[in-house]
N, C-alpha and C. Protein backbone atom coordinates (compact mmCIF):
# COMPACT_ATOMS: atom_id res chain seq x y z
N MET A 1 0.80 -1.07 0.00
CA MET A 1 -0.27 0.03 0.22
C MET A 1 0.91 1.31 0.11
N HIS A 2 0.21 2.22 -0.66
CA HIS A 2 1.33 3.54 -0.85
C HIS A 2 0.26 4.74 -0.32
N TYR A 3 0.72 5.06 0.66
CA TYR A 3 -0.15 6.46 1.07
C TYR A 3 0.67 7.60 1.16
N PRO A 4 0.98 8.38 0.23
CA PRO A 4 1.79 9.48 0.37
C PRO A 4 1.35 10.53 1.57
N GLU A 5 0.24 10.54 1.97
CA GLU A 5 -0.26 11.93 2.71
C GLU A 5 0.28 11.27 4.24
N VAL A 6 0.65 10.01 4.35
CA VAL A 6 0.92 9.32 5.67
C VAL A 6 2.57 9.14 5.57
N GLU A 7 3.22 9.02 4.37
CA GLU A 7 4.65 8.53 4.10
C GLU A 7 5.49 10.07 4.39
N LYS A 8 4.65 10.92 4.16
CA LYS A 8 5.67 12.22 4.39
C LYS A 8 6.28 12.23 5.90
N TYR A 9 5.64 11.59 6.78
CA TYR A 9 6.06 11.43 8.15
C TYR A 9 6.88 10.29 8.30
N PHE A 10 7.39 9.52 7.66
CA PHE A 10 8.31 8.71 7.60
C PHE A 10 9.64 8.99 7.70
N LYS A 11 10.62 9.35 8.65
CA LYS A 11 11.49 10.20 8.83
C LYS A 11 12.55 9.48 9.41
N THR A 12 12.38 8.54 9.90
CA THR A 12 13.38 8.01 10.73
C THR A 12 13.74 6.50 10.50
N LYS A 13 14.88 5.83 10.65
CA LYS A 13 15.21 4.52 10.37
C LYS A 13 14.16 3.66 10.87
N LYS A 14 13.52 3.58 11.92
CA LYS A 14 12.44 2.51 12.25
C LYS A 14 11.32 2.87 11.39
N HIS A 15 10.80 4.21 11.15
CA HIS A 15 9.95 4.13 10.33
C HIS A 15 10.07 3.32 8.69
N HIS A 16 11.04 3.40 8.27
CA HIS A 16 11.28 2.78 6.93
C HIS A 16 11.40 1.40 7.11
N GLN A 17 11.77 0.83 8.26
CA GLN A 17 11.90 -0.70 8.61
C GLN A 17 10.61 -1.16 9.31
N PHE A 18 9.65 -0.49 9.45
CA PHE A 18 8.27 -1.17 9.88
C PHE A 18 7.46 -1.26 8.68
N SER A 19 6.83 -2.10 8.48
CA SER A 19 5.99 -2.51 7.52
C SER A 19 4.52 -1.95 8.19
N THR A 20 3.89 -1.22 7.36
CA THR A 20 2.51 -0.60 7.55
C THR A 20 1.49 -1.12 6.87
N ASP A 21 2.00 -2.38 6.01
CA ASP A 21 0.91 -3.08 5.30
C ASP A 21 0.57 -4.29 6.24
N PHE A 22 -0.61 -4.43 7.30
CA PHE A 22 -0.89 -5.06 7.92
C PHE A 22 -1.49 -6.35 6.95
N PHE A 23 -1.94 -6.55 5.82
CA PHE A 23 -2.13 -7.39 4.99
C PHE A 23 -1.02 -8.63 4.86
N THR A 24 0.00 -8.07 4.82
CA THR A 24 0.99 -9.10 4.33
C THR A 24 1.46 -10.46 5.10
N GLU A 25 1.15 -10.24 6.35
CA GLU A 25 1.44 -11.42 7.25
C GLU A 25 0.10 -11.95 7.46
N ALA A 26 -1.04 -11.35 7.12
CA ALA A 26 -2.28 -11.51 7.69
C ALA A 26 -2.82 -13.25 8.09
N GLU A 27 -2.22 -13.79 7.09
CA GLU A 27 -2.77 -15.41 7.24
C GLU A 27 -1.73 -16.24 8.47
N ASN A 28 -0.73 -15.51 9.00
CA ASN A 28 -0.04 -16.02 9.96
C ASN A 28 -0.53 -15.16 11.49
N TYR A 29 -1.70 -14.16 11.41
CA TYR A 29 -1.71 -13.89 12.53
C TYR A 29 -2.73 -14.62 13.54
N GLU A 30 -2.86 -14.70 14.75
CA GLU A 30 -3.76 -15.42 15.75
C GLU A 30 -5.01 -14.82 15.50
N VAL A 31 -6.04 -15.89 15.32
CA VAL A 31 -7.28 -15.37 15.34
C VAL A 31 -8.18 -15.93 16.83
N TRP A 32 -9.51 -15.20 16.69
CA TRP A 32 -10.02 -15.59 18.07
C TRP A 32 -10.64 -16.94 18.49
N ASP A 33 -11.12 -17.44 17.00
CA ASP A 33 -11.10 -18.92 17.52
C ASP A 33 -10.17 -19.92 17.68
N GLU A 34 -8.98 -19.39 17.49
CA GLU A 34 -7.60 -20.31 17.72
C GLU A 34 -7.01 -20.01 19.01
N ILE A 35 -7.35 -18.89 19.56
CA ILE A 35 -6.56 -18.57 20.70
C ILE A 35 -6.68 -19.66 21.74
N ASP A 36 -5.50 -19.97 22.09
CA ASP A 36 -5.79 -21.25 23.07
C ASP A 36 -5.25 -20.50 24.65
N PHE A 37 -6.81 -20.59 25.30
CA PHE A 37 -6.39 -19.78 26.77
C PHE A 37 -5.86 -20.92 27.80
N SER A 38 -5.44 -22.21 27.51
CA SER A 38 -4.98 -23.24 28.26
C SER A 38 -3.56 -22.97 28.42
N GLN A 39 -2.89 -21.96 27.33
CA GLN A 39 -1.55 -21.79 27.35
C GLN A 39 -1.47 -20.19 27.60
N ILE A 40 -1.35 -19.60 28.85
CA ILE A 40 -1.60 -18.34 29.26
C ILE A 40 0.00 -17.92 29.89
N GLU A 41 0.59 -18.56 29.62
CA GLU A 41 1.82 -18.05 30.21
C GLU A 41 2.42 -16.88 29.75
N GLU A 42 3.25 -15.99 30.28
CA GLU A 42 3.92 -14.91 29.44
C GLU A 42 4.92 -15.23 28.57
N VAL A 43 4.80 -14.75 27.51
CA VAL A 43 6.27 -14.88 26.60
C VAL A 43 6.62 -13.24 26.13
N GLU A 44 7.79 -13.66 25.70
CA GLU A 44 8.39 -12.18 25.36
C GLU A 44 7.91 -11.62 23.81
N GLY A 45 7.87 -10.49 23.69
CA GLY A 45 7.81 -9.95 21.99
C GLY A 45 8.87 -10.60 21.12
N GLN A 46 8.56 -10.30 19.84
CA GLN A 46 9.32 -10.84 18.73
C GLN A 46 10.61 -9.69 18.82
N ASN A 47 10.60 -8.52 19.15
CA ASN A 47 11.67 -7.61 19.09
C ASN A 47 11.69 -6.69 20.15
N THR A 48 13.00 -5.95 20.37
CA THR A 48 13.13 -4.97 21.07
C THR A 48 13.19 -3.30 20.38
N TYR A 49 13.01 -2.40 21.27
CA TYR A 49 12.83 -1.27 20.47
C TYR A 49 13.80 -0.33 21.52
N GLU A 50 14.90 0.51 20.69
CA GLU A 50 15.75 1.39 21.35
C GLU A 50 15.19 2.68 21.16
N ILE A 51 14.61 3.40 22.33
CA ILE A 51 14.22 4.55 21.78
C ILE A 51 15.16 5.65 21.81
N THR A 52 15.30 6.42 20.53
CA THR A 52 16.33 7.17 19.94
C THR A 52 15.43 8.56 19.86
N ALA A 53 16.30 9.75 20.18
CA ALA A 53 15.71 11.23 19.96
C ALA A 53 15.06 11.20 18.96
N GLU A 54 15.56 10.93 17.60
CA GLU A 54 14.82 11.01 16.62
C GLU A 54 13.08 10.48 16.55
N ASP A 55 13.36 9.44 17.19
CA ASP A 55 12.02 8.53 17.96
C ASP A 55 11.00 9.94 18.14
N VAL A 56 11.71 10.03 19.44
CA VAL A 56 10.79 10.84 20.54
C VAL A 56 10.19 12.33 19.77
N LYS A 57 11.26 12.76 18.89
CA LYS A 57 10.95 14.25 18.22
C LYS A 57 10.02 14.04 16.81
N PHE A 58 9.97 12.91 16.14
CA PHE A 58 9.43 12.61 15.00
C PHE A 58 7.90 11.87 15.43
N TYR A 59 7.79 11.14 16.53
CA TYR A 59 6.16 10.76 17.28
C TYR A 59 5.84 12.21 17.37
N ALA A 60 6.39 13.06 18.09
CA ALA A 60 5.65 14.19 18.44
C ALA A 60 4.96 14.89 17.12
N GLU A 61 6.25 15.27 16.18
CA GLU A 61 5.35 15.56 14.83
C GLU A 61 4.63 15.20 14.09
N GLY A 62 4.54 14.10 13.97
CA GLY A 62 3.54 12.99 13.21
C GLY A 62 2.28 13.06 13.91
N SER A 63 2.30 13.35 15.41
CA SER A 63 1.05 13.32 16.18
C SER A 63 0.52 15.03 16.30
N LEU A 64 1.42 15.94 15.38
CA LEU A 64 1.06 17.06 15.65
C LEU A 64 1.28 17.86 17.11
N ASP A 65 1.91 17.65 17.66
CA ASP A 65 2.01 18.00 18.85
C ASP A 65 3.40 18.62 19.14
N ASP A 66 3.43 20.13 19.10
CA ASP A 66 4.78 21.05 18.73
C ASP A 66 5.49 21.40 20.50
N ASN A 67 5.15 20.47 21.47
CA ASN A 67 5.49 20.82 22.62
C ASN A 67 7.01 20.57 22.49
N PRO A 68 8.03 21.70 23.03
CA PRO A 68 9.32 21.82 22.65
C PRO A 68 10.16 20.61 23.79
N LEU A 69 9.29 20.20 24.81
CA LEU A 69 9.88 19.14 25.47
C LEU A 69 9.92 17.82 24.74
N MET A 70 9.12 17.86 23.87
CA MET A 70 9.07 16.68 22.96
C MET A 70 10.11 16.88 21.65
N THR A 71 9.91 18.07 21.17
CA THR A 71 10.95 18.50 20.12
C THR A 71 11.81 18.81 19.68
N ASP A 72 12.45 19.65 20.79
CA ASP A 72 13.44 20.21 20.85
C ASP A 72 14.84 19.95 22.01
N GLU A 73 15.71 19.51 21.61
CA GLU A 73 16.69 18.68 22.61
C GLU A 73 17.00 19.77 23.61
N ASP A 74 17.54 21.21 23.10
CA ASP A 74 18.26 21.88 23.85
C ASP A 74 17.27 22.82 24.74
N TYR A 75 16.03 22.79 24.52
CA TYR A 75 15.05 23.14 25.39
C TYR A 75 14.55 22.28 26.67
N ALA A 76 15.00 20.92 26.11
CA ALA A 76 14.12 20.16 27.02
C ALA A 76 15.60 19.79 27.96
N LYS A 77 16.84 19.86 27.57
CA LYS A 77 17.92 19.64 28.50
C LYS A 77 17.78 20.71 29.46
N LYS A 78 17.25 22.08 29.24
CA LYS A 78 17.42 23.25 30.33
C LYS A 78 16.11 23.07 30.92
N SER A 79 15.26 22.17 30.67
CA SER A 79 13.97 22.11 31.57
C SER A 79 14.33 21.31 32.79
N PRO A 80 13.28 21.24 33.76
CA PRO A 80 13.47 20.45 35.22
C PRO A 80 13.81 19.11 34.65
N TYR A 81 13.42 18.34 33.59
CA TYR A 81 13.47 17.25 33.31
C TYR A 81 14.90 16.62 32.69
N GLY A 82 15.29 17.84 32.18
CA GLY A 82 16.80 17.63 31.48
C GLY A 82 16.98 16.76 30.23
N GLU A 83 15.74 16.58 29.89
CA GLU A 83 16.01 15.58 28.64
C GLU A 83 14.53 15.60 27.93
N LEU A 84 14.69 15.37 26.56
CA LEU A 84 13.28 14.74 25.84
C LEU A 84 12.68 14.18 26.75
N ILE A 85 10.87 14.36 26.64
CA ILE A 85 10.13 13.71 27.45
C ILE A 85 9.23 13.00 26.05
N PRO A 86 9.09 11.78 25.87
CA PRO A 86 8.26 11.05 24.73
C PRO A 86 6.85 11.51 25.05
N HIS A 87 6.29 11.48 23.94
CA HIS A 87 4.50 11.58 23.96
C HIS A 87 4.05 10.39 24.46
N PRO A 88 3.08 10.41 25.43
CA PRO A 88 2.55 9.39 26.18
C PRO A 88 2.39 8.28 25.16
N LEU A 89 1.61 8.36 23.96
CA LEU A 89 0.98 7.50 23.32
C LEU A 89 2.19 6.87 22.37
N LEU A 90 3.58 7.50 22.48
CA LEU A 90 4.86 6.90 22.14
C LEU A 90 4.73 5.32 22.07
N VAL A 91 4.05 4.79 23.41
CA VAL A 91 4.11 3.41 23.64
C VAL A 91 3.20 2.61 22.57
N THR A 92 2.32 3.22 21.54
CA THR A 92 1.91 2.45 20.73
C THR A 92 2.94 1.92 19.89
N PRO A 93 3.61 2.86 18.73
CA PRO A 93 4.57 2.00 18.04
C PRO A 93 5.43 1.13 18.81
N ILE A 94 5.89 1.49 19.83
CA ILE A 94 6.70 0.77 20.75
C ILE A 94 5.73 -0.69 20.51
N ILE A 95 4.59 -1.03 21.37
CA ILE A 95 4.01 -2.12 21.32
C ILE A 95 4.07 -2.95 19.68
N PHE A 96 3.84 -2.15 18.48
CA PHE A 96 3.82 -2.82 17.80
C PHE A 96 4.86 -3.36 17.18
N TRP A 97 6.09 -2.32 17.25
CA TRP A 97 7.42 -3.01 17.05
C TRP A 97 8.01 -4.34 17.71
N CYS A 98 7.46 -3.99 19.06
CA CYS A 98 8.01 -5.34 19.85
C CYS A 98 7.50 -6.75 19.91
N VAL A 99 5.95 -6.64 19.58
CA VAL A 99 4.86 -7.91 19.30
C VAL A 99 5.51 -8.50 18.02
N GLY A 100 5.72 -7.47 16.98
CA GLY A 100 6.17 -8.12 15.75
C GLY A 100 4.92 -8.60 14.95
N VAL A 101 5.40 -9.67 13.86
CA VAL A 101 4.24 -10.47 13.19
C VAL A 101 4.40 -11.71 13.43
N LYS A 102 5.16 -11.98 14.21
CA LYS A 102 5.02 -13.73 14.19
C LYS A 102 4.97 -14.30 15.80
N GLY A 103 4.16 -15.12 15.99
CA GLY A 103 4.13 -15.29 17.78
C GLY A 103 2.63 -14.75 18.24
N ARG A 104 2.62 -15.05 19.92
CA ARG A 104 1.57 -14.37 20.29
C ARG A 104 1.92 -12.94 20.46
N GLY A 105 0.18 -12.47 20.13
CA GLY A 105 0.00 -10.94 20.48
C GLY A 105 0.05 -10.28 18.74
N ASN A 106 0.21 -11.06 17.82
CA ASN A 106 0.27 -10.37 16.61
C ASN A 106 -0.98 -10.50 15.94
N TRP A 107 -1.92 -10.63 16.85
CA TRP A 107 -3.57 -10.28 16.31
C TRP A 107 -3.58 -8.97 16.17
N ILE A 108 -2.91 -8.09 16.69
CA ILE A 108 -3.05 -6.71 17.09
C ILE A 108 -3.07 -5.85 15.87
N ARG A 109 -2.53 -6.40 14.70
CA ARG A 109 -2.30 -6.17 13.32
C ARG A 109 -3.36 -6.77 12.34
N THR A 110 -4.56 -7.34 13.16
CA THR A 110 -5.39 -8.09 12.12
C THR A 110 -6.24 -7.08 11.12
N PRO A 111 -6.38 -7.43 10.01
CA PRO A 111 -7.07 -6.65 9.23
C PRO A 111 -8.45 -6.77 9.49
N GLY A 112 -9.27 -5.75 9.55
CA GLY A 112 -10.80 -5.78 10.10
C GLY A 112 -10.98 -5.80 11.41
N ALA A 113 -9.83 -5.81 12.08
CA ALA A 113 -10.19 -5.44 13.99
C ALA A 113 -10.52 -4.49 13.98
N ARG A 114 -11.29 -4.05 15.21
CA ARG A 114 -11.87 -2.71 15.57
C ARG A 114 -11.42 -2.59 17.14
N ASN A 115 -11.08 -1.14 17.18
CA ASN A 115 -10.40 -0.78 18.72
C ASN A 115 -11.65 -0.14 19.82
N PRO A 116 -11.83 -1.17 20.75
CA PRO A 116 -13.00 -0.67 21.26
C PRO A 116 -12.42 0.08 22.64
N GLY A 117 -11.04 0.07 22.58
CA GLY A 117 -10.47 0.81 24.05
C GLY A 117 -9.17 0.08 24.36
N GLN A 118 -8.36 0.85 24.73
CA GLN A 118 -7.20 0.08 25.63
C GLN A 118 -6.92 0.83 26.83
N SER A 119 -6.64 0.20 27.78
CA SER A 119 -6.27 0.67 29.40
C SER A 119 -4.71 0.63 29.30
N MET A 120 -4.21 1.92 29.90
CA MET A 120 -2.83 1.86 29.99
C MET A 120 -2.40 2.49 31.61
N GLU A 121 -1.48 2.05 31.78
CA GLU A 121 -0.89 2.37 33.20
C GLU A 121 0.60 2.72 33.12
N ILE A 122 0.97 3.88 33.00
CA ILE A 122 2.33 4.36 32.73
C ILE A 122 2.70 4.75 34.20
N TYR A 123 3.76 3.99 34.45
CA TYR A 123 4.60 4.04 35.87
C TYR A 123 6.11 4.98 35.51
N ASP A 124 6.62 4.86 34.39
CA ASP A 124 7.61 5.83 34.56
C ASP A 124 7.63 6.39 33.06
N ASN A 125 8.07 7.79 32.71
CA ASN A 125 8.67 8.11 31.34
C ASN A 125 9.59 6.98 30.56
N PHE A 126 9.11 7.11 29.43
CA PHE A 126 10.42 6.19 28.53
C PHE A 126 11.40 7.49 28.09
N HIS A 127 12.53 6.77 28.10
CA HIS A 127 13.82 7.74 28.18
C HIS A 127 14.52 7.51 26.96
N VAL A 128 15.00 8.32 26.22
CA VAL A 128 16.00 8.24 25.41
C VAL A 128 16.94 7.45 25.74
N GLY A 129 17.68 6.06 24.81
CA GLY A 129 18.56 5.25 25.27
C GLY A 129 18.12 4.08 25.74
N GLU A 130 16.79 4.07 26.33
CA GLU A 130 16.42 2.52 26.86
C GLU A 130 15.99 2.00 25.64
N VAL A 131 16.08 0.59 25.96
CA VAL A 131 15.84 -0.55 25.20
C VAL A 131 14.82 -1.39 25.75
N ILE A 132 13.47 -1.40 25.04
CA ILE A 132 12.34 -1.54 25.99
C ILE A 132 11.92 -3.08 24.96
N HIS A 133 11.44 -3.91 25.85
CA HIS A 133 11.08 -5.23 25.38
C HIS A 133 9.63 -5.36 25.92
N VAL A 134 8.83 -6.17 25.17
CA VAL A 134 7.28 -6.62 25.93
C VAL A 134 7.08 -8.00 26.39
N LYS A 135 6.27 -8.43 27.50
CA LYS A 135 5.88 -9.48 27.93
C LYS A 135 4.59 -9.45 27.57
N ILE A 136 3.99 -10.42 27.22
CA ILE A 136 2.73 -10.60 26.67
C ILE A 136 2.13 -12.02 27.21
N ALA A 137 0.94 -11.71 27.67
CA ALA A 137 -0.30 -12.78 28.22
C ALA A 137 -1.49 -12.77 27.78
N PRO A 138 -2.23 -13.64 27.49
CA PRO A 138 -3.64 -13.51 27.31
C PRO A 138 -4.53 -13.19 28.52
N HIS A 139 -5.22 -12.24 28.18
CA HIS A 139 -6.03 -11.78 29.56
C HIS A 139 -7.45 -11.98 29.72
N ASP A 140 -8.22 -12.20 28.42
CA ASP A 140 -9.68 -12.32 28.64
C ASP A 140 -10.20 -12.42 26.78
N ARG A 141 -10.77 -13.34 26.84
CA ARG A 141 -11.62 -13.65 25.53
C ARG A 141 -13.10 -13.95 25.64
N PHE A 142 -14.01 -12.82 25.04
CA PHE A 142 -15.50 -12.82 25.43
C PHE A 142 -16.09 -12.24 24.18
N LEU A 143 -17.55 -12.90 24.14
CA LEU A 143 -18.58 -12.30 23.30
C LEU A 143 -19.51 -11.42 23.89
N LYS A 144 -19.53 -10.43 23.04
CA LYS A 144 -20.62 -9.30 23.90
C LYS A 144 -21.29 -8.40 22.52
N ARG A 145 -22.67 -8.67 22.63
CA ARG A 145 -23.41 -8.30 21.35
C ARG A 145 -23.13 -8.96 19.96
N GLY A 146 -22.70 -9.92 20.19
CA GLY A 146 -22.40 -10.81 19.03
C GLY A 146 -20.78 -10.57 18.38
N LYS A 147 -20.01 -9.72 19.04
CA LYS A 147 -18.80 -9.39 18.67
C LYS A 147 -17.89 -10.14 19.52
N CYS A 148 -16.59 -10.70 18.66
CA CYS A 148 -15.57 -11.42 19.26
C CYS A 148 -14.36 -10.12 20.03
N TYR A 149 -14.38 -10.17 21.21
CA TYR A 149 -13.29 -9.64 21.94
C TYR A 149 -12.18 -10.36 22.48
N LEU A 150 -10.97 -9.73 22.13
CA LEU A 150 -9.72 -10.41 22.60
C LEU A 150 -8.95 -9.56 23.34
N GLN A 151 -8.44 -9.95 24.50
CA GLN A 151 -7.68 -8.71 25.26
C GLN A 151 -6.30 -9.57 25.89
N TYR A 152 -5.32 -8.91 25.75
CA TYR A 152 -4.03 -9.44 26.38
C TYR A 152 -3.40 -8.27 27.11
N ARG A 153 -2.73 -8.97 27.95
CA ARG A 153 -1.78 -8.01 28.87
C ARG A 153 -0.70 -7.80 28.33
N MET A 154 0.09 -6.38 28.06
CA MET A 154 1.30 -6.27 27.66
C MET A 154 2.12 -5.53 28.47
N ASP A 155 3.16 -6.03 29.16
CA ASP A 155 3.82 -5.07 29.93
C ASP A 155 5.35 -4.70 29.40
N LEU A 156 5.19 -3.73 29.38
CA LEU A 156 6.83 -2.94 28.59
C LEU A 156 7.61 -2.82 29.80
N TYR A 157 9.09 -3.30 29.71
CA TYR A 157 10.20 -3.12 30.58
C TYR A 157 11.20 -2.59 29.60
N ASN A 158 12.37 -2.06 30.70
CA ASN A 158 13.34 -1.58 29.84
C ASN A 158 14.71 -2.42 30.04
N GLN A 159 15.57 -2.11 29.54
CA GLN A 159 16.81 -3.07 29.67
C GLN A 159 17.14 -3.54 30.91
N ASP A 160 16.88 -2.67 32.14
CA ASP A 160 17.03 -3.14 33.29
C ASP A 160 15.95 -4.05 33.91
N ASN A 161 14.86 -4.50 33.03
CA ASN A 161 13.73 -5.01 33.55
C ASN A 161 12.73 -4.34 34.78
N GLU A 162 12.85 -2.87 34.36
CA GLU A 162 11.90 -2.03 35.22
C GLU A 162 10.65 -1.89 34.34
N LEU A 163 9.82 -2.18 35.09
CA LEU A 163 8.28 -1.96 34.62
C LEU A 163 8.23 -0.82 34.25
N LYS A 164 7.42 -0.14 32.81
CA LYS A 164 7.46 1.11 32.74
C LYS A 164 6.05 1.29 32.45
N CYS A 165 5.41 0.57 31.69
CA CYS A 165 3.92 0.62 31.24
C CYS A 165 3.37 -0.83 31.27
N LYS A 166 1.93 -0.80 31.63
CA LYS A 166 1.12 -2.13 31.82
C LYS A 166 -0.08 -1.57 30.93
N ILE A 167 -0.10 -2.75 29.78
CA ILE A 167 -1.29 -2.15 28.81
C ILE A 167 -2.26 -3.64 28.79
N TYR A 168 -3.76 -3.03 28.75
CA TYR A 168 -4.57 -4.26 28.42
C TYR A 168 -5.16 -3.66 26.90
N SER A 169 -4.84 -4.59 25.95
CA SER A 169 -4.99 -4.12 24.98
C SER A 169 -6.25 -4.75 24.43
N THR A 170 -7.01 -4.42 23.53
CA THR A 170 -8.53 -5.13 23.40
C THR A 170 -8.76 -4.72 22.02
N LEU A 171 -9.25 -5.86 21.14
CA LEU A 171 -9.55 -5.63 20.03
C LEU A 171 -11.00 -6.56 19.87
N ILE A 172 -11.98 -5.97 18.82
CA ILE A 172 -12.72 -6.67 18.18
C ILE A 172 -12.32 -7.59 16.92
N LEU A 173 -12.31 -8.52 17.15
CA LEU A 173 -11.81 -9.62 16.07
C LEU A 173 -12.64 -10.12 15.26
N PRO A 174 -11.91 -10.48 13.61
CA PRO A 174 -12.74 -11.39 13.08
C PRO A 174 -12.72 -12.62 13.57
N ARG A 175 -13.86 -13.52 13.77
CA ARG A 175 -13.73 -14.65 14.58
C ARG A 175 -12.85 -15.68 13.77
N THR A 176 -12.88 -15.81 12.57
CA THR A 176 -12.34 -16.95 12.07
C THR A 176 -11.06 -16.47 10.85
N ARG A 177 -10.21 -17.06 10.76
CA ARG A 177 -9.40 -17.09 9.79
C ARG A 177 -10.21 -16.73 8.26
N ASN A 178 -10.83 -17.64 7.82
CA ASN A 178 -11.91 -17.13 6.85
C ASN A 178 -12.38 -16.05 6.80
N ASP A 179 -12.95 -15.25 7.76
CA ASP A 179 -13.34 -14.09 8.08
C ASP A 179 -12.27 -12.93 7.79
N ILE A 180 -11.10 -13.27 8.09
CA ILE A 180 -9.89 -12.39 7.84
C ILE A 180 -10.17 -12.55 6.27
N ARG A 181 -9.85 -13.49 5.70
CA ARG A 181 -9.48 -13.95 4.29
C ARG A 181 -10.46 -13.11 3.51
N LYS A 182 -12.12 -12.94 3.84
CA LYS A 182 -13.03 -12.26 3.38
C LYS A 182 -12.84 -10.72 3.35
N PHE A 183 -12.06 -10.21 4.70
CA PHE A 183 -12.01 -9.06 4.77
C PHE A 183 -10.85 -8.11 3.66
N LEU A 184 -9.98 -9.38 3.58
CA LEU A 184 -8.68 -9.04 2.70
C LEU A 184 -9.21 -9.28 1.22
N ASN A 185 -10.17 -9.91 0.90
CA ASN A 185 -10.66 -9.89 -0.61
C ASN A 185 -11.92 -8.61 -0.62
N GLY A 186 -12.10 -7.97 0.22
CA GLY A 186 -13.13 -6.45 0.04
C GLY A 186 -14.26 -6.81 1.13
N THR A 187 -14.51 -7.72 1.35
CA THR A 187 -16.01 -7.84 1.97
C THR A 187 -15.87 -7.28 3.40
N ARG A 188 -16.68 -6.01 3.45
CA ARG A 188 -16.49 -5.87 4.71
C ARG A 188 -17.92 -5.83 5.36
N GLY A 189 -17.79 -5.33 6.67
CA GLY A 189 -19.12 -5.56 7.88
C GLY A 189 -19.45 -6.81 8.07
N LEU A 190 -18.31 -7.24 8.40
CA LEU A 190 -18.52 -8.92 9.17
C LEU A 190 -19.67 -8.70 10.19
N THR A 191 -19.98 -10.09 10.16
CA THR A 191 -21.27 -10.17 11.14
C THR A 191 -20.57 -10.33 12.62
N ASP A 192 -19.27 -10.67 12.68
CA ASP A 192 -18.97 -10.92 13.99
C ASP A 192 -17.77 -10.06 14.26
């Protein structure tokens, strides 16, 4: 997929490495009917994410937040914080990066999924230079008004295993692999 209006914000090395085409690996994503809740042990995500100054600055720019604490290194160094402060929602691309496209939690990339909301508890700001990894565990799976909800707990830690953030990520998913295929083929308005 090619979206020039979005690609103008692709400025960092990570931007160019991360595939925004969630259809590519869709056949390999976990689906609601196949998630095994008897296997609820916590597992590591596929990747780690090293936070750089360019990540912080360009996330703020991409979210149209011009707060100099997030965009101007010199200004931020002179502030009480003494460093750039990441936008609180920088956690979103960190999660997508760390979960990856293979293994548990990859359902967050599922085409046709809808986002009814997330719950985040941020315990400490992220800092430039930290290397973040995620631990993922199934939390809940339920039907509500005929929709298939899936919720995982995703805990983000830095390189010293300090818990930075806890997220309960919830999506309404297509129920089966065949439902994902229908969506990929252009059928919208799935019944579940």
